[in-house]
Amino acid sequence: MQWITPKKLQKAILSSEKWQIVDVRESYEWAICSIKALQIPMAQISKRHTEIDKNGSVVIMCKTGKRAEAVANLMECEYGFENLYIMEGGILNWITEIDNQLETY
């Protein structure tokens, strides 16, 4: 498991590499602001982890990075994911570095 900044993630997304972003925030948080990602709330990861592609690079994100780190650890230890990244600072850091038009909360 590694950390990735929003700027590096944005560059990676724009490249030809295969990336999947998984947002583990709750639905009410997602409704406030979101980026193009698969939304699976943290509590549903155990039931829905098969929706995440093990063959590509997977970025886990939340509001600040704390939940994402816990989810990435679970996915690595329990489900055998290898190419996991945690977005540093979560959606709040994305807003600061990439898109300040998104609403914060």
N, C-alpha and C. Protein backbone atom coordinates (compact mmCIF):
# COMPACT_ATOMS: atom_id res chain seq x y z
N MET A 1 0.85 -1.16 0.00
CA MET A 1 0.00 0.00 0.00
C MET A 1 0.90 1.23 0.00
N GLN A 2 0.52 2.18 -0.83
CA GLN A 2 1.31 3.40 -0.98
C GLN A 2 0.39 4.61 -0.92
N TRP A 3 0.97 5.78 -0.82
CA TRP A 3 0.22 7.03 -0.84
C TRP A 3 0.44 7.71 -2.18
N ILE A 4 -0.58 8.43 -2.65
CA ILE A 4 -0.47 9.17 -3.89
C ILE A 4 -1.12 10.54 -3.70
N THR A 5 -0.46 11.57 -4.21
CA THR A 5 -1.02 12.91 -4.10
C THR A 5 -2.10 13.10 -5.16
N PRO A 6 -3.01 14.03 -4.93
CA PRO A 6 -4.01 14.31 -5.96
C PRO A 6 -3.38 14.70 -7.30
N LYS A 7 -2.31 15.48 -7.28
CA LYS A 7 -1.67 15.89 -8.53
C LYS A 7 -1.09 14.69 -9.28
N LYS A 8 -0.45 13.77 -8.58
CA LYS A 8 0.09 12.58 -9.23
C LYS A 8 -1.02 11.68 -9.74
N LEU A 9 -2.10 11.61 -8.97
CA LEU A 9 -3.25 10.81 -9.40
C LEU A 9 -3.86 11.41 -10.67
N GLN A 10 -4.01 12.70 -10.71
CA GLN A 10 -4.57 13.35 -11.89
C GLN A 10 -3.71 13.05 -13.12
N LYS A 11 -2.39 13.13 -12.98
CA LYS A 11 -1.49 12.81 -14.09
C LYS A 11 -1.63 11.35 -14.51
N ALA A 12 -1.74 10.47 -13.54
CA ALA A 12 -1.88 9.04 -13.84
C ALA A 12 -3.19 8.76 -14.56
N ILE A 13 -4.26 9.41 -14.15
CA ILE A 13 -5.56 9.23 -14.79
C ILE A 13 -5.49 9.66 -16.26
N LEU A 14 -4.79 10.75 -16.50
CA LEU A 14 -4.68 11.27 -17.86
C LEU A 14 -3.75 10.44 -18.74
N SER A 15 -2.91 9.62 -18.13
CA SER A 15 -2.03 8.74 -18.90
C SER A 15 -2.82 7.52 -19.37
N SER A 16 -2.17 6.62 -20.01
CA SER A 16 -2.85 5.43 -20.52
C SER A 16 -2.92 4.30 -19.49
N GLU A 17 -2.43 4.56 -18.29
CA GLU A 17 -2.45 3.53 -17.26
C GLU A 17 -3.88 3.27 -16.79
N LYS A 18 -4.11 2.06 -16.32
CA LYS A 18 -5.43 1.68 -15.82
C LYS A 18 -5.51 1.96 -14.32
N TRP A 19 -6.38 2.88 -13.95
CA TRP A 19 -6.57 3.26 -12.56
C TRP A 19 -8.05 3.17 -12.20
N GLN A 20 -8.33 2.71 -11.00
CA GLN A 20 -9.70 2.72 -10.49
C GLN A 20 -9.67 3.46 -9.17
N ILE A 21 -10.58 4.40 -9.01
CA ILE A 21 -10.68 5.16 -7.77
C ILE A 21 -11.91 4.66 -7.03
N VAL A 22 -11.73 4.35 -5.76
CA VAL A 22 -12.83 3.89 -4.91
C VAL A 22 -12.98 4.89 -3.78
N ASP A 23 -14.15 5.49 -3.70
CA ASP A 23 -14.47 6.48 -2.67
C ASP A 23 -15.24 5.77 -1.57
N VAL A 24 -14.69 5.73 -0.36
CA VAL A 24 -15.32 4.98 0.73
C VAL A 24 -16.13 5.87 1.67
N ARG A 25 -16.41 7.09 1.23
CA ARG A 25 -17.24 7.99 2.05
C ARG A 25 -18.71 7.56 1.99
N GLU A 26 -19.48 8.06 2.92
CA GLU A 26 -20.91 7.77 2.98
C GLU A 26 -21.65 8.51 1.86
N SER A 27 -22.85 8.05 1.55
CA SER A 27 -23.64 8.64 0.47
C SER A 27 -23.91 10.12 0.67
N TYR A 28 -24.17 10.56 1.91
CA TYR A 28 -24.44 11.97 2.14
C TYR A 28 -23.19 12.82 1.86
N GLU A 29 -22.00 12.27 2.10
CA GLU A 29 -20.76 12.99 1.79
C GLU A 29 -20.56 13.06 0.28
N TRP A 30 -20.82 11.96 -0.39
CA TRP A 30 -20.71 11.86 -1.84
C TRP A 30 -21.61 12.90 -2.50
N ALA A 31 -22.81 13.08 -1.93
CA ALA A 31 -23.77 14.04 -2.49
C ALA A 31 -23.25 15.48 -2.41
N ILE A 32 -22.42 15.78 -1.43
CA ILE A 32 -21.88 17.14 -1.27
C ILE A 32 -20.83 17.41 -2.35
N CYS A 33 -19.92 16.48 -2.54
CA CYS A 33 -18.88 16.64 -3.56
C CYS A 33 -18.32 15.27 -3.90
N SER A 34 -17.95 15.12 -5.17
CA SER A 34 -17.37 13.84 -5.59
C SER A 34 -16.56 14.04 -6.86
N ILE A 35 -15.70 13.06 -7.13
CA ILE A 35 -14.98 12.99 -8.39
C ILE A 35 -15.39 11.66 -9.03
N LYS A 36 -14.95 11.43 -10.24
CA LYS A 36 -15.33 10.20 -10.93
C LYS A 36 -14.68 9.01 -10.21
N ALA A 37 -15.50 8.28 -9.49
CA ALA A 37 -15.01 7.16 -8.69
C ALA A 37 -16.14 6.18 -8.44
N LEU A 38 -15.78 4.97 -8.07
CA LEU A 38 -16.75 3.98 -7.62
C LEU A 38 -17.00 4.26 -6.15
N GLN A 39 -18.26 4.49 -5.80
CA GLN A 39 -18.57 4.80 -4.41
C GLN A 39 -19.01 3.53 -3.69
N ILE A 40 -18.20 3.11 -2.73
CA ILE A 40 -18.53 1.98 -1.86
C ILE A 40 -18.26 2.45 -0.44
N PRO A 41 -19.29 2.76 0.33
CA PRO A 41 -19.06 3.19 1.71
C PRO A 41 -18.23 2.17 2.48
N MET A 42 -17.42 2.66 3.39
CA MET A 42 -16.50 1.82 4.16
C MET A 42 -17.18 0.56 4.72
N ALA A 43 -18.36 0.71 5.28
CA ALA A 43 -19.06 -0.41 5.90
C ALA A 43 -19.48 -1.48 4.89
N GLN A 44 -19.49 -1.16 3.60
CA GLN A 44 -19.92 -2.11 2.57
C GLN A 44 -18.76 -2.80 1.85
N ILE A 45 -17.52 -2.43 2.16
CA ILE A 45 -16.37 -2.99 1.46
C ILE A 45 -16.34 -4.52 1.54
N SER A 46 -16.61 -5.08 2.70
CA SER A 46 -16.57 -6.53 2.86
C SER A 46 -17.54 -7.24 1.92
N LYS A 47 -18.69 -6.65 1.68
CA LYS A 47 -19.70 -7.25 0.81
C LYS A 47 -19.45 -6.94 -0.66
N ARG A 48 -18.79 -5.81 -0.97
CA ARG A 48 -18.70 -5.35 -2.35
C ARG A 48 -17.28 -5.30 -2.93
N HIS A 49 -16.31 -5.86 -2.23
CA HIS A 49 -14.92 -5.79 -2.70
C HIS A 49 -14.71 -6.43 -4.06
N THR A 50 -15.61 -7.35 -4.46
CA THR A 50 -15.47 -7.99 -5.77
C THR A 50 -15.77 -7.03 -6.92
N GLU A 51 -16.34 -5.87 -6.64
CA GLU A 51 -16.60 -4.86 -7.67
C GLU A 51 -15.32 -4.10 -8.05
N ILE A 52 -14.27 -4.30 -7.27
CA ILE A 52 -13.01 -3.59 -7.48
C ILE A 52 -12.06 -4.49 -8.26
N ASP A 53 -11.45 -3.94 -9.30
CA ASP A 53 -10.56 -4.69 -10.18
C ASP A 53 -9.19 -4.90 -9.53
N LYS A 54 -8.83 -6.15 -9.31
CA LYS A 54 -7.53 -6.49 -8.71
C LYS A 54 -6.38 -6.35 -9.70
N ASN A 55 -6.67 -6.26 -10.99
CA ASN A 55 -5.62 -6.27 -12.01
C ASN A 55 -5.01 -4.91 -12.28
N GLY A 56 -5.64 -3.85 -11.87
CA GLY A 56 -5.11 -2.51 -12.11
C GLY A 56 -4.71 -1.85 -10.81
N SER A 57 -4.31 -0.61 -10.92
CA SER A 57 -3.97 0.17 -9.74
C SER A 57 -5.27 0.73 -9.15
N VAL A 58 -5.41 0.60 -7.83
CA VAL A 58 -6.62 1.03 -7.14
C VAL A 58 -6.27 2.11 -6.14
N VAL A 59 -6.97 3.23 -6.23
CA VAL A 59 -6.80 4.33 -5.29
C VAL A 59 -8.02 4.36 -4.38
N ILE A 60 -7.76 4.32 -3.09
CA ILE A 60 -8.82 4.41 -2.10
C ILE A 60 -8.82 5.84 -1.57
N MET A 61 -10.00 6.46 -1.50
CA MET A 61 -10.08 7.82 -1.00
C MET A 61 -11.27 7.98 -0.07
N CYS A 62 -11.17 8.98 0.79
CA CYS A 62 -12.26 9.34 1.68
C CYS A 62 -12.22 10.86 1.86
N LYS A 63 -12.61 11.36 3.00
CA LYS A 63 -12.58 12.81 3.21
C LYS A 63 -11.16 13.31 3.45
N THR A 64 -10.41 12.63 4.34
CA THR A 64 -9.07 13.10 4.71
C THR A 64 -7.97 12.05 4.54
N GLY A 65 -8.34 10.80 4.39
CA GLY A 65 -7.35 9.73 4.22
C GLY A 65 -7.36 8.68 5.31
N LYS A 66 -7.97 8.96 6.44
CA LYS A 66 -7.97 8.01 7.56
C LYS A 66 -8.77 6.74 7.24
N ARG A 67 -10.01 6.91 6.79
CA ARG A 67 -10.82 5.74 6.44
C ARG A 67 -10.21 4.98 5.28
N ALA A 68 -9.67 5.73 4.32
CA ALA A 68 -9.05 5.10 3.15
C ALA A 68 -7.90 4.20 3.58
N GLU A 69 -7.12 4.64 4.53
CA GLU A 69 -5.99 3.83 5.00
C GLU A 69 -6.49 2.54 5.64
N ALA A 70 -7.54 2.62 6.43
CA ALA A 70 -8.09 1.43 7.08
C ALA A 70 -8.66 0.46 6.04
N VAL A 71 -9.36 0.98 5.04
CA VAL A 71 -9.93 0.15 3.99
C VAL A 71 -8.83 -0.50 3.16
N ALA A 72 -7.80 0.26 2.80
CA ALA A 72 -6.69 -0.29 2.02
C ALA A 72 -6.01 -1.42 2.79
N ASN A 73 -5.84 -1.26 4.08
CA ASN A 73 -5.24 -2.30 4.91
C ASN A 73 -6.10 -3.56 4.89
N LEU A 74 -7.41 -3.40 5.03
CA LEU A 74 -8.33 -4.54 4.99
C LEU A 74 -8.26 -5.24 3.63
N MET A 75 -8.29 -4.47 2.56
CA MET A 75 -8.26 -5.05 1.21
C MET A 75 -6.96 -5.80 0.95
N GLU A 76 -5.88 -5.27 1.45
CA GLU A 76 -4.58 -5.92 1.26
C GLU A 76 -4.49 -7.21 2.08
N CYS A 77 -4.87 -7.14 3.34
CA CYS A 77 -4.71 -8.28 4.25
C CYS A 77 -5.77 -9.36 4.05
N GLU A 78 -7.01 -8.96 3.85
CA GLU A 78 -8.11 -9.93 3.77
C GLU A 78 -8.44 -10.40 2.36
N TYR A 79 -8.24 -9.54 1.36
CA TYR A 79 -8.70 -9.88 0.02
C TYR A 79 -7.59 -9.95 -1.02
N GLY A 80 -6.35 -9.79 -0.60
CA GLY A 80 -5.21 -9.99 -1.48
C GLY A 80 -4.95 -8.94 -2.54
N PHE A 81 -5.45 -7.73 -2.34
CA PHE A 81 -5.15 -6.65 -3.28
C PHE A 81 -3.69 -6.25 -3.13
N GLU A 82 -3.04 -5.94 -4.26
CA GLU A 82 -1.62 -5.60 -4.23
C GLU A 82 -1.31 -4.18 -4.66
N ASN A 83 -1.95 -3.67 -5.67
CA ASN A 83 -1.64 -2.35 -6.21
C ASN A 83 -2.55 -1.28 -5.62
N LEU A 84 -2.45 -1.12 -4.32
CA LEU A 84 -3.32 -0.17 -3.62
C LEU A 84 -2.60 1.13 -3.31
N TYR A 85 -3.32 2.22 -3.49
CA TYR A 85 -2.84 3.55 -3.17
C TYR A 85 -3.89 4.25 -2.33
N ILE A 86 -3.45 5.12 -1.46
CA ILE A 86 -4.35 5.95 -0.66
C ILE A 86 -4.13 7.38 -1.10
N MET A 87 -5.21 8.08 -1.43
CA MET A 87 -5.05 9.46 -1.85
C MET A 87 -4.79 10.34 -0.63
N GLU A 88 -3.61 10.97 -0.63
CA GLU A 88 -3.21 11.83 0.49
C GLU A 88 -4.21 12.96 0.69
N GLY A 89 -4.70 13.07 1.90
CA GLY A 89 -5.59 14.18 2.24
C GLY A 89 -7.01 14.05 1.75
N GLY A 90 -7.32 12.96 1.06
CA GLY A 90 -8.68 12.69 0.61
C GLY A 90 -9.26 13.75 -0.31
N ILE A 91 -10.59 13.81 -0.33
CA ILE A 91 -11.29 14.74 -1.22
C ILE A 91 -10.96 16.19 -0.86
N LEU A 92 -10.70 16.45 0.42
CA LEU A 92 -10.36 17.84 0.81
C LEU A 92 -9.06 18.29 0.15
N ASN A 93 -8.09 17.40 0.06
CA ASN A 93 -6.83 17.73 -0.60
C ASN A 93 -7.03 17.84 -2.12
N TRP A 94 -7.90 17.00 -2.69
CA TRP A 94 -8.23 17.09 -4.11
C TRP A 94 -8.80 18.48 -4.42
N ILE A 95 -9.70 18.94 -3.56
CA ILE A 95 -10.31 20.25 -3.75
C ILE A 95 -9.24 21.34 -3.70
N THR A 96 -8.32 21.24 -2.75
CA THR A 96 -7.26 22.23 -2.61
C THR A 96 -6.30 22.22 -3.81
N GLU A 97 -5.90 21.03 -4.25
CA GLU A 97 -4.87 20.92 -5.29
C GLU A 97 -5.40 20.89 -6.73
N ILE A 98 -6.62 20.39 -6.92
CA ILE A 98 -7.10 20.14 -8.28
C ILE A 98 -8.35 20.94 -8.65
N ASP A 99 -9.38 20.90 -7.83
CA ASP A 99 -10.67 21.48 -8.23
C ASP A 99 -11.32 22.23 -7.07
N ASN A 100 -10.99 23.51 -6.95
CA ASN A 100 -11.54 24.29 -5.84
C ASN A 100 -12.99 24.72 -6.07
N GLN A 101 -13.59 24.25 -7.16
CA GLN A 101 -15.01 24.53 -7.42
C GLN A 101 -15.90 23.56 -6.66
N LEU A 102 -15.33 22.45 -6.20
CA LEU A 102 -16.11 21.48 -5.43
C LEU A 102 -16.38 22.03 -4.04
N GLU A 103 -17.55 21.70 -3.51
CA GLU A 103 -17.94 22.17 -2.18
C GLU A 103 -17.19 21.37 -1.10
N THR A 104 -16.78 22.05 -0.05
CA THR A 104 -16.15 21.35 1.08
C THR A 104 -17.16 21.19 2.20
N TYR A 105 -16.84 20.33 3.12
CA TYR A 105 -17.72 20.09 4.27
C TYR A 105 -16.90 19.70 5.46
